[in-house]
Each structure stands twice: as structure tokens, then as C-alpha cells.
């Protein structure tokens, strides 16, 4: 064997080894590519499953929220009906003459008496104010407050007189 034959053999062997290495590298790359593709497919499937579960949970939450809103609406309507019934009952009772004003009217208290009380309150308030003008010190402040207190009775008596007047006309 000559050097040329030996070189050719070495070149063929190197080529064979390189071809084998290239084939193995290609096989490894193909295997890696397949594994990456499988992992990507698995990840995609899991992401779809998670998305489906999230969608289902969102649907359940929407249905629950809708039920809660419906229940709250029903309870609010029920409470409003109950309040309306009670208010109507109170109005009916007053209109039928079961109120405080009706009782005063049945006891003989007339609207004129309330009006007299209002004007007396105004007069008494003015009188206490005039008297307090001549006082000095702490007594003057107390007298002023007493006059204001008595003056606050007038609107109450007037309102009572109007209510009694309406009761008298019934």
C-alpha cells in the first residue's frame, strides 16, 4: 500500500466518521425538534384547558352574581311592599280617625284653643323679653333664653290648630 492509498483510506474513514457524526447530529436535532414540538403541543393543550376552566369559572361567577342580584331585587321588592303596606295602614288609621288629633278633637279640644295658645305664647315670649331687657348679668341671659323657649311654642300650637281645624271639617 502506498501513501496515496493510505491517505485515500484515511480520507474515506474521516469522511465516513464525519458523515456518521452528521447523521447522528441530524438525528439528535430531529429528536430535539420533535421533543420541543411535543412540549409546545402539551403546553398549548394545557393552556387551552386552563382557558376553558377560566371560562367555565367566569360563567359560574356570572350566573352566581345574577342569582344574587335577582335575590336582592326580590328582597328589596318584598321590603318595599311591606313598608308600603305599613304606611298605607297608618294613613288609613289616621284617615279613619284613630290619630292623636282625632282623639283631642273627640275630647273636646278645638282649633280655637290651639290658636289662643299660639298667640298667648307669642305674647308671653314678648313679655319675658321686655322684662329681660331691664336685667343685668347672668339673669338677663337666662331670661332671654326663657323668652325664646316660650316663643318656640307658637308654631307648634298653630300647626295643632290647623290639624284640629281639618279634623273639625271632616
N, C-alpha and C. Protein backbone atom coordinates (compact mmCIF):
# COMPACT_ATOMS: atom_id res chain seq x y z
N UNK A 1 0.81 -1.15 0.00
CA UNK A 1 0.00 0.00 0.00
C UNK A 1 0.87 1.24 0.00
N UNK A 2 0.42 2.11 -0.74
CA UNK A 2 1.20 3.31 -0.90
C UNK A 2 0.63 4.41 -0.02
N UNK A 3 1.35 5.44 0.00
CA UNK A 3 0.95 6.58 0.84
C UNK A 3 -0.32 7.17 0.28
N UNK A 4 -0.45 7.14 -1.01
CA UNK A 4 -1.67 7.70 -1.60
C UNK A 4 -2.87 6.85 -1.21
N UNK A 5 -2.68 5.51 -1.22
CA UNK A 5 -3.79 4.65 -0.84
C UNK A 5 -4.12 4.86 0.64
N UNK A 6 -3.10 5.02 1.44
CA UNK A 6 -3.31 5.22 2.88
C UNK A 6 -4.02 6.55 3.10
N UNK A 7 -3.64 7.56 2.37
CA UNK A 7 -4.27 8.87 2.50
C UNK A 7 -5.71 8.80 2.05
N UNK A 8 -5.94 8.02 0.96
CA UNK A 8 -7.31 7.88 0.48
C UNK A 8 -8.16 7.15 1.51
N UNK A 9 -7.56 6.06 2.11
CA UNK A 9 -8.28 5.33 3.16
C UNK A 9 -8.58 6.26 4.33
N UNK A 10 -7.62 7.04 4.74
CA UNK A 10 -7.80 7.95 5.88
C UNK A 10 -8.86 8.99 5.52
N UNK A 11 -8.85 9.46 4.29
CA UNK A 11 -9.84 10.46 3.86
C UNK A 11 -11.22 9.84 3.85
N UNK A 12 -11.35 8.56 3.38
CA UNK A 12 -12.64 7.88 3.34
C UNK A 12 -13.14 7.65 4.77
N UNK A 13 -12.22 7.23 5.63
CA UNK A 13 -12.62 6.98 7.02
C UNK A 13 -13.04 8.29 7.69
N UNK A 14 -12.32 9.35 7.42
CA UNK A 14 -12.66 10.65 8.01
C UNK A 14 -14.01 11.10 7.48
N UNK A 15 -14.21 10.86 6.15
CA UNK A 15 -15.49 11.22 5.55
C UNK A 15 -16.60 10.39 6.15
N UNK A 16 -16.34 9.08 6.33
CA UNK A 16 -17.36 8.21 6.93
C UNK A 16 -17.67 8.66 8.36
N UNK A 17 -16.62 8.98 9.11
CA UNK A 17 -16.81 9.42 10.51
C UNK A 17 -17.58 10.74 10.51
N UNK A 18 -17.22 11.63 9.58
CA UNK A 18 -17.91 12.93 9.50
C UNK A 18 -19.36 12.73 9.09
N UNK A 19 -19.58 11.80 8.12
CA UNK A 19 -20.95 11.52 7.69
C UNK A 19 -21.74 10.92 8.84
N UNK A 20 -21.11 9.97 9.59
CA UNK A 20 -21.79 9.37 10.75
C UNK A 20 -22.10 10.44 11.80
N UNK A 21 -21.14 11.32 12.05
CA UNK A 21 -21.34 12.39 13.03
C UNK A 21 -22.45 13.32 12.56
N UNK A 22 -22.46 13.62 11.27
CA UNK A 22 -23.51 14.49 10.73
C UNK A 22 -24.87 13.82 10.83
N UNK A 23 -24.90 12.49 10.52
CA UNK A 23 -26.16 11.76 10.64
C UNK A 23 -26.65 11.76 12.10
N UNK A 24 -25.68 11.51 13.01
CA UNK A 24 -26.05 11.49 14.43
C UNK A 24 -26.51 12.88 14.88
N UNK A 25 -25.83 13.90 14.44
CA UNK A 25 -26.21 15.27 14.80
C UNK A 25 -27.60 15.58 14.25
N UNK A 26 -27.85 15.13 13.00
CA UNK A 26 -29.17 15.35 12.39
C UNK A 26 -30.23 14.59 13.18
N UNK A 27 -29.92 13.32 13.58
CA UNK A 27 -30.86 12.54 14.38
C UNK A 27 -31.14 13.22 15.72
N UNK A 28 -30.09 13.70 16.37
CA UNK A 28 -30.25 14.38 17.66
C UNK A 28 -31.08 15.66 17.48
N UNK A 29 -30.80 16.41 16.41
CA UNK A 29 -31.55 17.65 16.14
C UNK A 29 -33.01 17.32 15.85
N UNK A 30 -33.25 16.24 15.07
CA UNK A 30 -34.63 15.84 14.79
C UNK A 30 -35.34 15.42 16.07
N UNK A 31 -34.64 14.64 16.91
CA UNK A 31 -35.24 14.23 18.20
C UNK A 31 -35.54 15.45 19.07
N UNK A 32 -34.60 16.36 19.12
CA UNK A 32 -34.80 17.57 19.93
C UNK A 32 -35.96 18.39 19.37
N UNK A 33 -36.02 18.49 18.05
CA UNK A 33 -37.11 19.24 17.42
C UNK A 33 -38.45 18.58 17.72
N UNK A 34 -38.49 17.25 17.64
CA UNK A 34 -39.73 16.52 17.96
C UNK A 34 -40.12 16.74 19.42
N UNK A 35 -39.12 16.68 20.32
CA UNK A 35 -39.42 16.87 21.75
C UNK A 35 -39.92 18.29 22.01
N UNK A 36 -39.29 19.27 21.38
CA UNK A 36 -39.72 20.66 21.56
C UNK A 36 -41.13 20.82 21.01
N UNK A 37 -41.40 20.21 19.86
CA UNK A 37 -42.74 20.29 19.27
C UNK A 37 -43.76 19.63 20.20
N UNK A 38 -43.41 18.45 20.75
CA UNK A 38 -44.31 17.77 21.68
C UNK A 38 -44.56 18.62 22.94
N UNK A 39 -43.48 19.21 23.46
CA UNK A 39 -43.63 20.07 24.64
C UNK A 39 -44.50 21.29 24.32
N UNK A 40 -44.29 21.86 23.15
CA UNK A 40 -45.10 23.02 22.74
C UNK A 40 -46.56 22.61 22.59
N UNK A 41 -46.80 21.44 22.00
CA UNK A 41 -48.17 20.95 21.86
C UNK A 41 -48.81 20.71 23.23
N UNK A 42 -48.04 20.09 24.14
CA UNK A 42 -48.55 19.85 25.50
C UNK A 42 -48.86 21.18 26.20
N UNK A 43 -47.95 22.14 26.07
CA UNK A 43 -48.16 23.45 26.69
C UNK A 43 -49.39 24.12 26.10
N UNK A 44 -49.56 24.01 24.79
CA UNK A 44 -50.72 24.59 24.13
C UNK A 44 -52.00 23.93 24.62
N UNK A 45 -51.99 22.59 24.73
CA UNK A 45 -53.16 21.87 25.22
C UNK A 45 -53.49 22.27 26.66
N UNK A 46 -52.44 22.38 27.48
CA UNK A 46 -52.67 22.78 28.87
C UNK A 46 -53.20 24.20 28.95
N UNK A 47 -52.67 25.08 28.12
CA UNK A 47 -53.16 26.47 28.09
C UNK A 47 -54.62 26.50 27.68
N UNK A 48 -55.01 25.68 26.69
CA UNK A 48 -56.41 25.62 26.28
C UNK A 48 -57.28 25.10 27.42
N UNK A 49 -56.79 24.06 28.12
CA UNK A 49 -57.55 23.52 29.25
C UNK A 49 -57.74 24.58 30.33
N UNK A 50 -56.66 25.30 30.64
CA UNK A 50 -56.75 26.35 31.66
C UNK A 50 -57.73 27.44 31.20
N UNK A 51 -57.63 27.82 29.92
CA UNK A 51 -58.53 28.84 29.40
C UNK A 51 -59.98 28.36 29.48
N UNK A 52 -60.23 27.10 29.18
CA UNK A 52 -61.58 26.55 29.30
C UNK A 52 -62.07 26.59 30.74
N UNK A 53 -61.18 26.22 31.67
CA UNK A 53 -61.55 26.24 33.08
C UNK A 53 -61.84 27.66 33.55
N UNK A 54 -61.02 28.61 33.11
CA UNK A 54 -61.24 30.00 33.47
C UNK A 54 -62.57 30.48 32.90
N UNK A 55 -62.85 30.11 31.67
CA UNK A 55 -64.13 30.48 31.06
C UNK A 55 -65.30 29.88 31.82
N UNK A 56 -65.17 28.61 32.20
CA UNK A 56 -66.24 27.97 32.96
C UNK A 56 -66.43 28.66 34.31
N UNK A 57 -65.32 28.99 34.97
CA UNK A 57 -65.40 29.67 36.26
C UNK A 57 -66.04 31.04 36.10
N UNK A 58 -65.68 31.75 35.04
CA UNK A 58 -66.29 33.06 34.79
C UNK A 58 -67.79 32.92 34.54
N UNK A 59 -68.18 31.90 33.80
CA UNK A 59 -69.61 31.67 33.57
C UNK A 59 -70.34 31.38 34.88
N UNK A 60 -69.72 30.55 35.72
CA UNK A 60 -70.32 30.25 37.02
C UNK A 60 -70.44 31.51 37.87
N UNK A 61 -69.39 32.34 37.84
CA UNK A 61 -69.42 33.58 38.61
C UNK A 61 -70.53 34.50 38.09
N UNK A 62 -70.69 34.58 36.78
CA UNK A 62 -71.75 35.41 36.21
C UNK A 62 -73.13 34.90 36.63
N UNK A 63 -73.30 33.59 36.59
CA UNK A 63 -74.59 33.01 36.99
C UNK A 63 -74.85 33.26 38.48
N UNK A 64 -73.80 33.10 39.30
CA UNK A 64 -73.96 33.35 40.74
C UNK A 64 -74.29 34.82 41.00
N UNK A 65 -73.60 35.72 40.33
CA UNK A 65 -73.86 37.15 40.51
C UNK A 65 -75.28 37.49 40.07
N UNK A 66 -75.73 36.87 39.01
CA UNK A 66 -77.09 37.11 38.53
C UNK A 66 -78.11 36.61 39.55
N UNK A 67 -77.86 35.43 40.13
CA UNK A 67 -78.76 34.90 41.15
C UNK A 67 -78.79 35.81 42.37
N UNK A 68 -77.63 36.28 42.79
CA UNK A 68 -77.56 37.17 43.96
C UNK A 68 -78.31 38.47 43.67
N UNK A 69 -78.11 39.02 42.48
CA UNK A 69 -78.81 40.25 42.11
C UNK A 69 -80.32 40.03 42.07
N UNK A 70 -80.74 38.91 41.53
CA UNK A 70 -82.18 38.60 41.49
C UNK A 70 -82.75 38.45 42.90
N UNK A 71 -81.99 37.75 43.77
CA UNK A 71 -82.44 37.58 45.15
C UNK A 71 -82.53 38.93 45.86
N UNK A 72 -81.53 39.78 45.66
CA UNK A 72 -81.53 41.11 46.29
C UNK A 72 -82.70 41.94 45.78
N UNK A 73 -82.97 41.86 44.50
CA UNK A 73 -84.10 42.60 43.93
C UNK A 73 -85.42 42.10 44.52
N UNK A 74 -85.55 40.79 44.62
CA UNK A 74 -86.78 40.23 45.19
C UNK A 74 -86.96 40.68 46.64
N UNK A 75 -85.88 40.63 47.42
CA UNK A 75 -85.97 41.03 48.83
C UNK A 75 -86.27 42.52 48.95
N UNK A 76 -85.67 43.33 48.07
CA UNK A 76 -85.95 44.77 48.10
C UNK A 76 -87.41 45.04 47.76
N UNK A 77 -87.93 44.32 46.76
CA UNK A 77 -89.35 44.50 46.40
C UNK A 77 -90.25 44.06 47.56
N UNK A 78 -89.87 42.97 48.20
CA UNK A 78 -90.66 42.48 49.34
C UNK A 78 -90.65 43.50 50.48
N UNK A 79 -89.46 44.04 50.77
CA UNK A 79 -89.36 45.04 51.84
C UNK A 79 -90.14 46.30 51.48
N UNK A 80 -90.04 46.72 50.21
CA UNK A 80 -90.78 47.91 49.78
C UNK A 80 -92.28 47.68 49.90
N UNK A 81 -92.73 46.50 49.55
CA UNK A 81 -94.14 46.17 49.69
C UNK A 81 -94.59 46.20 51.13
N UNK A 82 -93.73 45.67 52.02
CA UNK A 82 -94.05 45.65 53.44
C UNK A 82 -94.14 47.08 53.99
N UNK A 83 -93.16 47.91 53.61
CA UNK A 83 -93.17 49.31 54.07
C UNK A 83 -94.39 50.03 53.52
N UNK A 84 -94.68 49.80 52.25
CA UNK A 84 -95.85 50.44 51.64
C UNK A 84 -97.13 50.03 52.36
N UNK A 85 -97.24 48.76 52.70
CA UNK A 85 -98.42 48.28 53.43
C UNK A 85 -98.54 48.96 54.79
N UNK A 86 -97.41 49.09 55.48
CA UNK A 86 -97.43 49.72 56.80
C UNK A 86 -97.79 51.19 56.71
N UNK A 87 -97.22 51.88 55.71
CA UNK A 87 -97.54 53.30 55.53
C UNK A 87 -99.01 53.46 55.19
N UNK A 88 -99.50 52.62 54.29
CA UNK A 88 -100.91 52.71 53.92
C UNK A 88 -101.80 52.43 55.12
N UNK A 89 -101.39 51.47 55.96
CA UNK A 89 -102.15 51.18 57.18
C UNK A 89 -102.18 52.37 58.11
N UNK A 90 -101.06 53.06 58.25
CA UNK A 90 -101.01 54.23 59.12
C UNK A 90 -101.86 55.36 58.56
N UNK A 91 -101.79 55.55 57.24
CA UNK A 91 -102.62 56.58 56.61
C UNK A 91 -104.10 56.26 56.79
N UNK A 92 -104.46 55.01 56.57
CA UNK A 92 -105.86 54.61 56.74
C UNK A 92 -106.32 54.83 58.18
N UNK A 93 -105.43 54.52 59.13
CA UNK A 93 -105.78 54.68 60.53
C UNK A 93 -106.00 56.15 60.86
N UNK A 94 -105.15 57.02 60.34
CA UNK A 94 -105.32 58.45 60.60
C UNK A 94 -106.58 58.96 59.91
N UNK A 95 -106.81 58.50 58.68
CA UNK A 95 -108.00 58.96 57.95
C UNK A 95 -109.28 58.46 58.60
N UNK A 96 -109.21 57.32 59.25
CA UNK A 96 -110.39 56.78 59.92
C UNK A 96 -110.61 57.43 61.28
N UNK A 97 -109.67 58.27 61.70
CA UNK A 97 -109.85 58.99 62.95
C UNK A 97 -109.28 58.30 64.16
N UNK A 98 -108.19 57.59 64.00
CA UNK A 98 -107.57 56.92 65.14
C UNK A 98 -106.30 57.62 65.59
N UNK A 99 -106.03 58.82 65.07
CA UNK A 99 -104.80 59.53 65.39
C UNK A 99 -104.93 60.37 66.65
N UNK A 100 -103.83 61.01 67.03
CA UNK A 100 -103.78 61.84 68.22
C UNK A 100 -104.71 63.04 68.06
N UNK A 101 -104.68 63.67 66.88
CA UNK A 101 -105.51 64.85 66.64
C UNK A 101 -107.00 64.48 66.76
N UNK A 102 -107.36 63.32 66.23
CA UNK A 102 -108.75 62.89 66.33
C UNK A 102 -109.14 62.68 67.79
N UNK A 103 -108.26 62.13 68.56
CA UNK A 103 -108.55 61.90 69.98
C UNK A 103 -108.73 63.24 70.71
N UNK A 104 -107.84 64.21 70.40
CA UNK A 104 -108.01 65.53 71.01
C UNK A 104 -109.35 66.13 70.63
N UNK A 105 -109.71 65.99 69.36
CA UNK A 105 -111.00 66.51 68.87
C UNK A 105 -112.16 65.84 69.60
N UNK A 106 -112.10 64.53 69.76
CA UNK A 106 -113.18 63.81 70.46
C UNK A 106 -113.24 64.19 71.94
N UNK A 107 -112.11 64.61 72.53
CA UNK A 107 -112.09 65.04 73.93
C UNK A 107 -112.61 66.47 74.09
N UNK A 108 -112.88 67.15 72.96
CA UNK A 108 -113.45 68.50 73.04
C UNK A 108 -112.44 69.60 72.82
N UNK A 109 -111.23 69.28 72.49
CA UNK A 109 -110.21 70.30 72.23
C UNK A 109 -110.44 70.85 70.84
N UNK A 110 -110.67 72.15 70.71
CA UNK A 110 -111.00 72.77 69.44
C UNK A 110 -109.80 73.55 68.89
N UNK A 111 -109.85 73.83 67.57
CA UNK A 111 -108.75 74.54 66.92
C UNK A 111 -108.55 75.93 67.51
N UNK A 112 -109.65 76.57 67.92
CA UNK A 112 -109.53 77.91 68.51
C UNK A 112 -108.66 77.90 69.76
N UNK A 113 -108.74 76.83 70.54
CA UNK A 113 -107.93 76.74 71.76
C UNK A 113 -106.44 76.72 71.41
N UNK A 114 -106.10 76.00 70.35
CA UNK A 114 -104.70 75.94 69.94
C UNK A 114 -104.23 77.29 69.42
N UNK A 115 -105.10 77.99 68.66
CA UNK A 115 -104.72 79.32 68.17
C UNK A 115 -104.52 80.29 69.32
N UNK A 116 -105.38 80.23 70.32
CA UNK A 116 -105.24 81.08 71.51
C UNK A 116 -103.91 80.77 72.20
N UNK A 117 -103.58 79.48 72.30
CA UNK A 117 -102.30 79.10 72.91
C UNK A 117 -101.12 79.65 72.13
N UNK A 118 -101.22 79.69 70.80
CA UNK A 118 -100.13 80.21 69.97
C UNK A 118 -99.95 81.70 70.22
N UNK A 119 -101.05 82.44 70.21
CA UNK A 119 -100.95 83.89 70.43
C UNK A 119 -100.51 84.19 71.86
N UNK A 120 -100.97 83.39 72.83
CA UNK A 120 -100.52 83.58 74.21
C UNK A 120 -99.02 83.32 74.32
N UNK A 121 -98.53 82.34 73.58
CA UNK A 121 -97.09 82.03 73.59
C UNK A 121 -96.29 83.21 73.02
N UNK A 122 -96.80 83.80 71.97
CA UNK A 122 -96.12 84.96 71.38
C UNK A 122 -96.12 86.12 72.38
N UNK A 123 -97.28 86.38 72.98
CA UNK A 123 -97.36 87.47 73.96
C UNK A 123 -96.47 87.23 75.17
N UNK A 124 -96.48 86.02 75.69
CA UNK A 124 -95.65 85.69 76.85
C UNK A 124 -94.17 85.79 76.50
N UNK A 125 -93.82 85.39 75.29
CA UNK A 125 -92.43 85.49 74.85
C UNK A 125 -91.98 86.95 74.78
N UNK A 126 -92.84 87.82 74.22
CA UNK A 126 -92.51 89.25 74.16
C UNK A 126 -92.40 89.85 75.56
N UNK A 127 -93.30 89.44 76.43
CA UNK A 127 -93.28 89.95 77.80
C UNK A 127 -91.99 89.57 78.51
N UNK A 128 -91.58 88.32 78.42
CA UNK A 128 -90.33 87.90 79.08
C UNK A 128 -89.12 88.59 78.45
N UNK A 129 -89.21 88.89 77.16
CA UNK A 129 -88.08 89.58 76.52
C UNK A 129 -87.99 91.03 77.02
N UNK A 130 -89.17 91.71 77.13
CA UNK A 130 -89.16 93.08 77.64
C UNK A 130 -88.67 93.13 79.09
N UNK A 131 -89.07 92.16 79.88
CA UNK A 131 -88.63 92.11 81.27
C UNK A 131 -87.12 91.88 81.32
N UNK A 132 -86.59 91.00 80.44
CA UNK A 132 -85.16 90.68 80.49
C UNK A 132 -84.30 91.86 80.05
N UNK A 133 -84.87 92.82 79.33
CA UNK A 133 -84.08 93.99 78.88
C UNK A 133 -83.62 94.82 80.07
N UNK A 134 -84.36 94.81 81.17
CA UNK A 134 -84.02 95.62 82.34
C UNK A 134 -83.08 94.89 83.30
N UNK A 135 -82.83 93.61 83.06
CA UNK A 135 -81.97 92.84 83.96
C UNK A 135 -80.51 92.98 83.55
N UNK A 136 -79.62 92.66 84.46
CA UNK A 136 -78.17 92.69 84.17
C UNK A 136 -77.57 91.36 84.58
N UNK A 137 -76.40 91.04 84.02
CA UNK A 137 -75.65 89.86 84.41
C UNK A 137 -76.23 88.58 83.84
N UNK A 138 -76.04 87.49 84.59
CA UNK A 138 -76.48 86.16 84.17
C UNK A 138 -78.01 86.06 84.08
N UNK A 139 -78.72 86.81 84.90
CA UNK A 139 -80.19 86.75 84.89
C UNK A 139 -80.75 87.20 83.55
N UNK A 140 -80.10 88.18 82.93
CA UNK A 140 -80.58 88.69 81.64
C UNK A 140 -80.49 87.58 80.57
N UNK A 141 -79.37 86.86 80.51
CA UNK A 141 -79.21 85.77 79.54
C UNK A 141 -80.23 84.67 79.76
N UNK A 142 -80.47 84.33 81.01
CA UNK A 142 -81.45 83.29 81.33
C UNK A 142 -82.84 83.73 80.92
N UNK A 143 -83.17 84.97 81.16
CA UNK A 143 -84.50 85.48 80.79
C UNK A 143 -84.66 85.49 79.27
N UNK A 144 -83.61 85.88 78.56
CA UNK A 144 -83.67 85.86 77.09
C UNK A 144 -83.92 84.44 76.58
N UNK A 145 -83.21 83.49 77.13
CA UNK A 145 -83.39 82.10 76.70
C UNK A 145 -84.79 81.60 77.03
N UNK A 146 -85.33 82.02 78.17
CA UNK A 146 -86.68 81.62 78.57
C UNK A 146 -87.70 82.18 77.57
N UNK A 147 -87.51 83.44 77.15
CA UNK A 147 -88.40 84.05 76.17
C UNK A 147 -88.34 83.33 74.83
N UNK A 148 -87.15 82.97 74.41
CA UNK A 148 -87.01 82.23 73.15
C UNK A 148 -87.68 80.86 73.26
N UNK A 149 -87.50 80.21 74.39
CA UNK A 149 -88.10 78.89 74.60
C UNK A 149 -89.63 78.98 74.49
N UNK A 150 -90.21 79.96 75.13
CA UNK A 150 -91.67 80.12 75.08
C UNK A 150 -92.10 80.47 73.66
N UNK A 151 -91.32 81.29 72.95
CA UNK A 151 -91.64 81.67 71.58
C UNK A 151 -91.66 80.48 70.63
N UNK A 152 -90.93 79.44 70.94
CA UNK A 152 -90.93 78.25 70.08
C UNK A 152 -92.22 77.44 70.18
N UNK A 153 -93.03 77.74 71.17
CA UNK A 153 -94.29 77.01 71.30
C UNK A 153 -95.30 77.44 70.25
N UNK A 154 -95.22 78.70 69.80
CA UNK A 154 -96.23 79.27 68.89
C UNK A 154 -96.42 78.43 67.62
N UNK A 155 -95.35 78.05 66.89
CA UNK A 155 -95.57 77.26 65.67
C UNK A 155 -96.23 75.91 65.95
N UNK A 156 -95.90 75.33 67.10
CA UNK A 156 -96.49 74.03 67.44
C UNK A 156 -97.99 74.18 67.66
N UNK A 157 -98.37 75.21 68.40
CA UNK A 157 -99.80 75.43 68.64
C UNK A 157 -100.53 75.75 67.34
N UNK A 158 -99.89 76.54 66.46
CA UNK A 158 -100.52 76.88 65.18
C UNK A 158 -100.74 75.61 64.34
N UNK A 159 -99.73 74.77 64.26
CA UNK A 159 -99.86 73.52 63.49
C UNK A 159 -100.94 72.63 64.07
N UNK A 160 -100.99 72.56 65.39
CA UNK A 160 -102.03 71.77 66.04
C UNK A 160 -103.41 72.36 65.73
N UNK A 161 -103.52 73.69 65.70
CA UNK A 161 -104.78 74.34 65.37
C UNK A 161 -105.23 74.01 63.96
N UNK A 162 -104.29 74.02 63.01
CA UNK A 162 -104.63 73.67 61.63
C UNK A 162 -105.09 72.22 61.54
N UNK A 163 -104.39 71.33 62.21
CA UNK A 163 -104.78 69.92 62.19
C UNK A 163 -106.16 69.72 62.79
N UNK A 164 -106.42 70.42 63.90
CA UNK A 164 -107.74 70.30 64.52
C UNK A 164 -108.82 70.88 63.62
N UNK A 165 -108.50 71.97 62.91
CA UNK A 165 -109.47 72.59 62.01
C UNK A 165 -109.84 71.60 60.90
N UNK A 166 -108.84 70.91 60.36
CA UNK A 166 -109.10 69.89 59.33
C UNK A 166 -109.95 68.75 59.90
N UNK A 167 -109.69 68.39 61.13
CA UNK A 167 -110.47 67.32 61.78
C UNK A 167 -111.92 67.77 62.00
N UNK A 168 -112.10 69.03 62.34
CA UNK A 168 -113.45 69.55 62.57
C UNK A 168 -114.26 69.56 61.28
N UNK A 169 -113.59 69.75 60.13
CA UNK A 169 -114.29 69.80 58.85
C UNK A 169 -114.66 68.43 58.34
N UNK A 170 -114.09 67.37 58.87
CA UNK A 170 -114.40 66.01 58.39
C UNK A 170 -115.74 65.56 58.80
